[in-house]
Amino acid sequence: MKFESLILAGLFAVCFGICAGVMGAMLKTTPASVQLAGAGKAAAVVLATPAGCVRPTDDAVCSRAD
């Protein structure tokens, strides 16, 4: 019974360490898409949209064919 308790305690410690490492890695890293979000590229995409097919504020789909 003592052997099983030691194995269980060791398994708990290893799992806790792995989970803490993975959680720390997820919280520490920043994806490249978040870093590029403030670069001003979204404004260029909005300006390239044709004036006749601007999306209304009520989320309706533009079905106009010019």
PDB file of N, CA and C in Angstrom:
ATOM      1  N   MET A   1       0.823  -1.198   0.000  1.00  0.00           N
ATOM      2  CA  MET A   1       0.000   0.000   0.000  1.00  0.00           C
ATOM      3  C   MET A   1       0.866   1.262   0.000  1.00  0.00           C
ATOM      4  N   LYS A   2       2.006   1.204   0.659  1.00  0.00           N
ATOM      5  CA  LYS A   2       2.896   2.352   0.706  1.00  0.00           C
ATOM      6  C   LYS A   2       3.468   2.645  -0.692  1.00  0.00           C
ATOM      7  N   PHE A   3       3.788   1.601  -1.461  1.00  0.00           N
ATOM      8  CA  PHE A   3       4.322   1.771  -2.807  1.00  0.00           C
ATOM      9  C   PHE A   3       3.309   2.484  -3.706  1.00  0.00           C
ATOM     10  N   GLU A   4       2.043   2.080  -3.628  1.00  0.00           N
ATOM     11  CA  GLU A   4       1.011   2.705  -4.452  1.00  0.00           C
ATOM     12  C   GLU A   4       0.819   4.166  -4.075  1.00  0.00           C
ATOM     13  N   SER A   5       0.924   4.483  -2.795  1.00  0.00           N
ATOM     14  CA  SER A   5       0.774   5.871  -2.349  1.00  0.00           C
ATOM     15  C   SER A   5       1.926   6.728  -2.869  1.00  0.00           C
ATOM     16  N   LEU A   6       3.128   6.186  -2.869  1.00  0.00           N
ATOM     17  CA  LEU A   6       4.272   6.928  -3.400  1.00  0.00           C
ATOM     18  C   LEU A   6       4.150   7.141  -4.902  1.00  0.00           C
ATOM     19  N   ILE A   7       3.707   6.127  -5.621  1.00  0.00           N
ATOM     20  CA  ILE A   7       3.515   6.253  -7.072  1.00  0.00           C
ATOM     21  C   ILE A   7       2.426   7.284  -7.371  1.00  0.00           C
ATOM     22  N   LEU A   8       1.344   7.259  -6.609  1.00  0.00           N
ATOM     23  CA  LEU A   8       0.251   8.213  -6.815  1.00  0.00           C
ATOM     24  C   LEU A   8       0.703   9.637  -6.507  1.00  0.00           C
ATOM     25  N   ALA A   9       1.461   9.819  -5.443  1.00  0.00           N
ATOM     26  CA  ALA A   9       1.964  11.148  -5.103  1.00  0.00           C
ATOM     27  C   ALA A   9       2.943  11.642  -6.172  1.00  0.00           C
ATOM     28  N   GLY A  10       3.793  10.745  -6.676  1.00  0.00           N
ATOM     29  CA  GLY A  10       4.713  11.129  -7.746  1.00  0.00           C
ATOM     30  C   GLY A  10       3.985  11.483  -9.026  1.00  0.00           C
ATOM     31  N   LEU A  11       2.968  10.720  -9.353  1.00  0.00           N
ATOM     32  CA  LEU A  11       2.170  11.003 -10.544  1.00  0.00           C
ATOM     33  C   LEU A  11       1.465  12.352 -10.421  1.00  0.00           C
ATOM     34  N   PHE A  12       0.953  12.632  -9.221  1.00  0.00           N
ATOM     35  CA  PHE A  12       0.311  13.924  -9.001  1.00  0.00           C
ATOM     36  C   PHE A  12       1.303  15.062  -9.194  1.00  0.00           C
ATOM     37  N   ALA A  13       2.503  14.915  -8.656  1.00  0.00           N
ATOM     38  CA  ALA A  13       3.516  15.965  -8.774  1.00  0.00           C
ATOM     39  C   ALA A  13       3.921  16.186 -10.234  1.00  0.00           C
ATOM     40  N   VAL A  14       4.084  15.109 -10.978  1.00  0.00           N
ATOM     41  CA  VAL A  14       4.462  15.230 -12.391  1.00  0.00           C
ATOM     42  C   VAL A  14       3.338  15.882 -13.198  1.00  0.00           C
ATOM     43  N   CYS A  15       2.110  15.454 -12.964  1.00  0.00           N
ATOM     44  CA  CYS A  15       0.966  16.045 -13.687  1.00  0.00           C
ATOM     45  C   CYS A  15       0.795  17.519 -13.345  1.00  0.00           C
ATOM     46  N   PHE A  16       0.989  17.844 -12.071  1.00  0.00           N
ATOM     47  CA  PHE A  16       0.882  19.246 -11.665  1.00  0.00           C
ATOM     48  C   PHE A  16       1.964  20.080 -12.338  1.00  0.00           C
ATOM     49  N   GLY A  17       3.171  19.553 -12.385  1.00  0.00           N
ATOM     50  CA  GLY A  17       4.262  20.278 -13.040  1.00  0.00           C
ATOM     51  C   GLY A  17       4.017  20.484 -14.523  1.00  0.00           C
ATOM     52  N   ILE A  18       3.517  19.470 -15.196  1.00  0.00           N
ATOM     53  CA  ILE A  18       3.220  19.592 -16.630  1.00  0.00           C
ATOM     54  C   ILE A  18       2.100  20.598 -16.871  1.00  0.00           C
ATOM     55  N   CYS A  19       1.049  20.508 -16.071  1.00  0.00           N
ATOM     56  CA  CYS A  19      -0.071  21.450 -16.226  1.00  0.00           C
ATOM     57  C   CYS A  19       0.363  22.883 -15.945  1.00  0.00           C
ATOM     58  N   ALA A  20       1.177  23.077 -14.913  1.00  0.00           N
ATOM     59  CA  ALA A  20       1.666  24.424 -14.602  1.00  0.00           C
ATOM     60  C   ALA A  20       2.561  24.951 -15.726  1.00  0.00           C
ATOM     61  N   GLY A  21       3.380  24.093 -16.303  1.00  0.00           N
ATOM     62  CA  GLY A  21       4.227  24.513 -17.416  1.00  0.00           C
ATOM     63  C   GLY A  21       3.431  24.889 -18.654  1.00  0.00           C
ATOM     64  N   VAL A  22       2.428  24.089 -18.976  1.00  0.00           N
ATOM     65  CA  VAL A  22       1.588  24.383 -20.146  1.00  0.00           C
ATOM     66  C   VAL A  22       0.786  25.665 -19.919  1.00  0.00           C
ATOM     67  N   MET A  23       0.224  25.825 -18.727  1.00  0.00           N
ATOM     68  CA  MET A  23      -0.545  27.037 -18.433  1.00  0.00           C
ATOM     69  C   MET A  23       0.354  28.271 -18.472  1.00  0.00           C
ATOM     70  N   GLY A  24       1.541  28.166 -17.935  1.00  0.00           N
ATOM     71  CA  GLY A  24       2.475  29.283 -17.987  1.00  0.00           C
ATOM     72  C   GLY A  24       2.872  29.633 -19.409  1.00  0.00           C
ATOM     73  N   ALA A  25       3.069  28.624 -20.243  1.00  0.00           N
ATOM     74  CA  ALA A  25       3.415  28.878 -21.643  1.00  0.00           C
ATOM     75  C   ALA A  25       2.267  29.553 -22.384  1.00  0.00           C
ATOM     76  N   MET A  26       1.035  29.140 -22.097  1.00  0.00           N
ATOM     77  CA  MET A  26      -0.123  29.751 -22.763  1.00  0.00           C
ATOM     78  C   MET A  26      -0.316  31.195 -22.324  1.00  0.00           C
ATOM     79  N   LEU A  27      -0.068  31.482 -21.051  1.00  0.00           N
ATOM     80  CA  LEU A  27      -0.272  32.839 -20.561  1.00  0.00           C
ATOM     81  C   LEU A  27       0.869  33.773 -20.935  1.00  0.00           C
ATOM     82  N   LYS A  28       2.050  33.238 -21.146  1.00  0.00           N
ATOM     83  CA  LYS A  28       3.223  34.068 -21.428  1.00  0.00           C
ATOM     84  C   LYS A  28       3.339  34.452 -22.890  1.00  0.00           C
ATOM     85  N   THR A  29       3.040  33.535 -23.806  1.00  0.00           N
ATOM     86  CA  THR A  29       3.241  33.800 -25.232  1.00  0.00           C
ATOM     87  C   THR A  29       2.117  34.652 -25.804  1.00  0.00           C
ATOM     88  N   THR A  30       2.457  35.417 -26.827  1.00  0.00           N
ATOM     89  CA  THR A  30       1.479  36.241 -27.535  1.00  0.00           C
ATOM     90  C   THR A  30       1.482  35.805 -28.989  1.00  0.00           C
ATOM     91  N   PRO A  31       0.318  35.417 -29.524  1.00  0.00           N
ATOM     92  CA  PRO A  31       0.274  34.996 -30.931  1.00  0.00           C
ATOM     93  C   PRO A  31       0.654  36.136 -31.874  1.00  0.00           C
ATOM     94  N   ALA A  32       1.153  35.787 -33.026  1.00  0.00           N
ATOM     95  CA  ALA A  32       1.575  36.790 -34.013  1.00  0.00           C
ATOM     96  C   ALA A  32       0.395  37.622 -34.493  1.00  0.00           C
ATOM     97  N   SER A  33      -0.813  37.060 -34.530  1.00  0.00           N
ATOM     98  CA  SER A  33      -1.971  37.810 -35.006  1.00  0.00           C
ATOM     99  C   SER A  33      -2.319  38.947 -34.063  1.00  0.00           C
ATOM    100  N   VAL A  34      -2.098  38.782 -32.783  1.00  0.00           N
ATOM    101  CA  VAL A  34      -2.369  39.852 -31.826  1.00  0.00           C
ATOM    102  C   VAL A  34      -1.338  40.953 -31.981  1.00  0.00           C
ATOM    103  N   GLN A  35      -0.105  40.606 -32.247  1.00  0.00           N
ATOM    104  CA  GLN A  35       0.934  41.604 -32.416  1.00  0.00           C
ATOM    105  C   GLN A  35       0.714  42.420 -33.690  1.00  0.00           C
ATOM    106  N   LEU A  36       0.141  41.811 -34.709  1.00  0.00           N
ATOM    107  CA  LEU A  36      -0.081  42.510 -35.971  1.00  0.00           C
ATOM    108  C   LEU A  36      -1.395  43.275 -36.014  1.00  0.00           C
ATOM    109  N   ALA A  37      -2.239  43.112 -35.019  1.00  0.00           N
ATOM    110  CA  ALA A  37      -3.555  43.736 -35.058  1.00  0.00           C
ATOM    111  C   ALA A  37      -3.473  45.255 -35.020  1.00  0.00           C
ATOM    112  N   GLY A  38      -2.521  45.798 -34.338  1.00  0.00           N
ATOM    113  CA  GLY A  38      -2.411  47.245 -34.238  1.00  0.00           C
ATOM    114  C   GLY A  38      -1.529  47.867 -35.295  1.00  0.00           C
ATOM    115  N   ALA A  39      -1.141  47.133 -36.298  1.00  0.00           N
ATOM    116  CA  ALA A  39      -0.206  47.629 -37.298  1.00  0.00           C
ATOM    117  C   ALA A  39      -0.856  48.538 -38.341  1.00  0.00           C
ATOM    118  N   GLY A  40      -2.165  48.687 -38.335  1.00  0.00           N
ATOM    119  CA  GLY A  40      -2.833  49.575 -39.281  1.00  0.00           C
ATOM    120  C   GLY A  40      -3.228  48.898 -40.573  1.00  0.00           C
ATOM    121  N   LYS A  41      -3.085  47.604 -40.700  1.00  0.00           N
ATOM    122  CA  LYS A  41      -3.462  46.914 -41.932  1.00  0.00           C
ATOM    123  C   LYS A  41      -4.978  46.822 -42.086  1.00  0.00           C
ATOM    124  N   ALA A  42      -5.714  46.835 -40.980  1.00  0.00           N
ATOM    125  CA  ALA A  42      -7.170  46.752 -41.063  1.00  0.00           C
ATOM    126  C   ALA A  42      -7.747  47.997 -41.713  1.00  0.00           C
ATOM    127  N   ALA A  43      -7.146  49.145 -41.489  1.00  0.00           N
ATOM    128  CA  ALA A  43      -7.625  50.384 -42.102  1.00  0.00           C
ATOM    129  C   ALA A  43      -7.463  50.327 -43.613  1.00  0.00           C
ATOM    130  N   ALA A  44      -6.395  49.731 -44.100  1.00  0.00           N
ATOM    131  CA  ALA A  44      -6.184  49.622 -45.540  1.00  0.00           C
ATOM    132  C   ALA A  44      -7.224  48.706 -46.170  1.00  0.00           C
ATOM    133  N   VAL A  45      -7.612  47.656 -45.468  1.00  0.00           N
ATOM    134  CA  VAL A  45      -8.629  46.745 -45.990  1.00  0.00           C
ATOM    135  C   VAL A  45      -9.976  47.439 -46.033  1.00  0.00           C
ATOM    136  N   VAL A  46     -10.297  48.210 -45.017  1.00  0.00           N
ATOM    137  CA  VAL A  46     -11.579  48.928 -44.994  1.00  0.00           C
ATOM    138  C   VAL A  46     -11.620  49.960 -46.104  1.00  0.00           C
ATOM    139  N   LEU A  47     -10.526  50.638 -46.358  1.00  0.00           N
ATOM    140  CA  LEU A  47     -10.501  51.647 -47.413  1.00  0.00           C
ATOM    141  C   LEU A  47     -10.559  51.029 -48.806  1.00  0.00           C
ATOM    142  N   ALA A  48     -10.147  49.774 -48.962  1.00  0.00           N
ATOM    143  CA  ALA A  48     -10.167  49.122 -50.265  1.00  0.00           C
ATOM    144  C   ALA A  48     -11.544  48.577 -50.628  1.00  0.00           C
ATOM    145  N   THR A  49     -12.481  48.575 -49.678  1.00  0.00           N
ATOM    146  CA  THR A  49     -13.826  48.073 -49.932  1.00  0.00           C
ATOM    147  C   THR A  49     -14.574  49.060 -50.822  1.00  0.00           C
ATOM    148  N   PRO A  50     -15.269  48.591 -51.855  1.00  0.00           N
ATOM    149  CA  PRO A  50     -16.029  49.501 -52.716  1.00  0.00           C
ATOM    150  C   PRO A  50     -17.111  50.233 -51.923  1.00  0.00           C
ATOM    151  N   ALA A  51     -17.352  51.473 -52.266  1.00  0.00           N
ATOM    152  CA  ALA A  51     -18.313  52.296 -51.542  1.00  0.00           C
ATOM    153  C   ALA A  51     -19.740  51.763 -51.687  1.00  0.00           C
ATOM    154  N   GLY A  52     -20.053  51.081 -52.773  1.00  0.00           N
ATOM    155  CA  GLY A  52     -21.399  50.575 -52.986  1.00  0.00           C
ATOM    156  C   GLY A  52     -21.720  49.340 -52.160  1.00  0.00           C
ATOM    157  N   CYS A  53     -20.743  48.735 -51.537  1.00  0.00           N
ATOM    158  CA  CYS A  53     -20.990  47.516 -50.804  1.00  0.00           C
ATOM    159  C   CYS A  53     -20.432  47.620 -49.380  1.00  0.00           C
ATOM    160  N   VAL A  54     -20.734  48.709 -48.726  1.00  0.00           N
ATOM    161  CA  VAL A  54     -20.312  48.884 -47.340  1.00  0.00           C
ATOM    162  C   VAL A  54     -21.307  48.155 -46.458  1.00  0.00           C
ATOM    163  N   ARG A  55     -20.811  47.395 -45.515  1.00  0.00           N
ATOM    164  CA  ARG A  55     -21.689  46.602 -44.649  1.00  0.00           C
ATOM    165  C   ARG A  55     -22.477  47.508 -43.707  1.00  0.00           C
ATOM    166  N   PRO A  56     -23.796  47.383 -43.712  1.00  0.00           N
ATOM    167  CA  PRO A  56     -24.607  48.199 -42.815  1.00  0.00           C
ATOM    168  C   PRO A  56     -24.366  47.827 -41.349  1.00  0.00           C
ATOM    169  N   THR A  57     -24.817  48.686 -40.470  1.00  0.00           N
ATOM    170  CA  THR A  57     -24.585  48.457 -39.046  1.00  0.00           C
ATOM    171  C   THR A  57     -25.469  47.353 -38.478  1.00  0.00           C
ATOM    172  N   ASP A  58     -26.524  46.957 -39.181  1.00  0.00           N
ATOM    173  CA  ASP A  58     -27.427  45.914 -38.648  1.00  0.00           C
ATOM    174  C   ASP A  58     -26.998  44.512 -39.100  1.00  0.00           C
ATOM    175  N   ASP A  59     -25.756  44.342 -39.563  1.00  0.00           N
ATOM    176  CA  ASP A  59     -25.194  43.054 -39.982  1.00  0.00           C
ATOM    177  C   ASP A  59     -25.926  42.400 -41.136  1.00  0.00           C
ATOM    178  N   ALA A  60     -26.530  43.175 -42.009  1.00  0.00           N
ATOM    179  CA  ALA A  60     -27.174  42.623 -43.200  1.00  0.00           C
ATOM    180  C   ALA A  60     -26.100  42.313 -44.246  1.00  0.00           C
ATOM    181  N   VAL A  61     -26.375  41.343 -45.093  1.00  0.00           N
ATOM    182  CA  VAL A  61     -25.432  40.934 -46.121  1.00  0.00           C
ATOM    183  C   VAL A  61     -25.635  41.809 -47.354  1.00  0.00           C
ATOM    184  N   CYS A  62     -24.548  42.257 -47.926  1.00  0.00           N
ATOM    185  CA  CYS A  62     -24.622  43.092 -49.124  1.00  0.00           C
ATOM    186  C   CYS A  62     -24.886  42.215 -50.326  1.00  0.00           C
ATOM    187  N   SER A  63     -26.010  42.393 -50.989  1.00  0.00           N
ATOM    188  CA  SER A  63     -26.360  41.580 -52.149  1.00  0.00           C
ATOM    189  C   SER A  63     -26.397  42.413 -53.411  1.00  0.00           C
ATOM    190  N   ARG A  64     -25.830  43.562 -53.380  1.00  0.00           N
ATOM    191  CA  ARG A  64     -25.838  44.462 -54.519  1.00  0.00           C
ATOM    192  C   ARG A  64     -24.779  44.077 -55.535  1.00  0.00           C
ATOM    193  N   ALA A  65     -25.138  43.939 -56.782  1.00  0.00           N
ATOM    194  CA  ALA A  65     -24.178  43.596 -57.849  1.00  0.00           C
ATOM    195  C   ALA A  65     -24.084  44.776 -58.798  1.00  0.00           C
ATOM    196  N   ASP A  66     -22.971  45.472 -58.767  1.00  0.00           N
ATOM    197  CA  ASP A  66     -22.785  46.650 -59.643  1.00  0.00           C
ATOM    198  C   ASP A  66     -22.061  46.247 -60.897  1.00  0.00           C
TER     199      ASP A  66
END
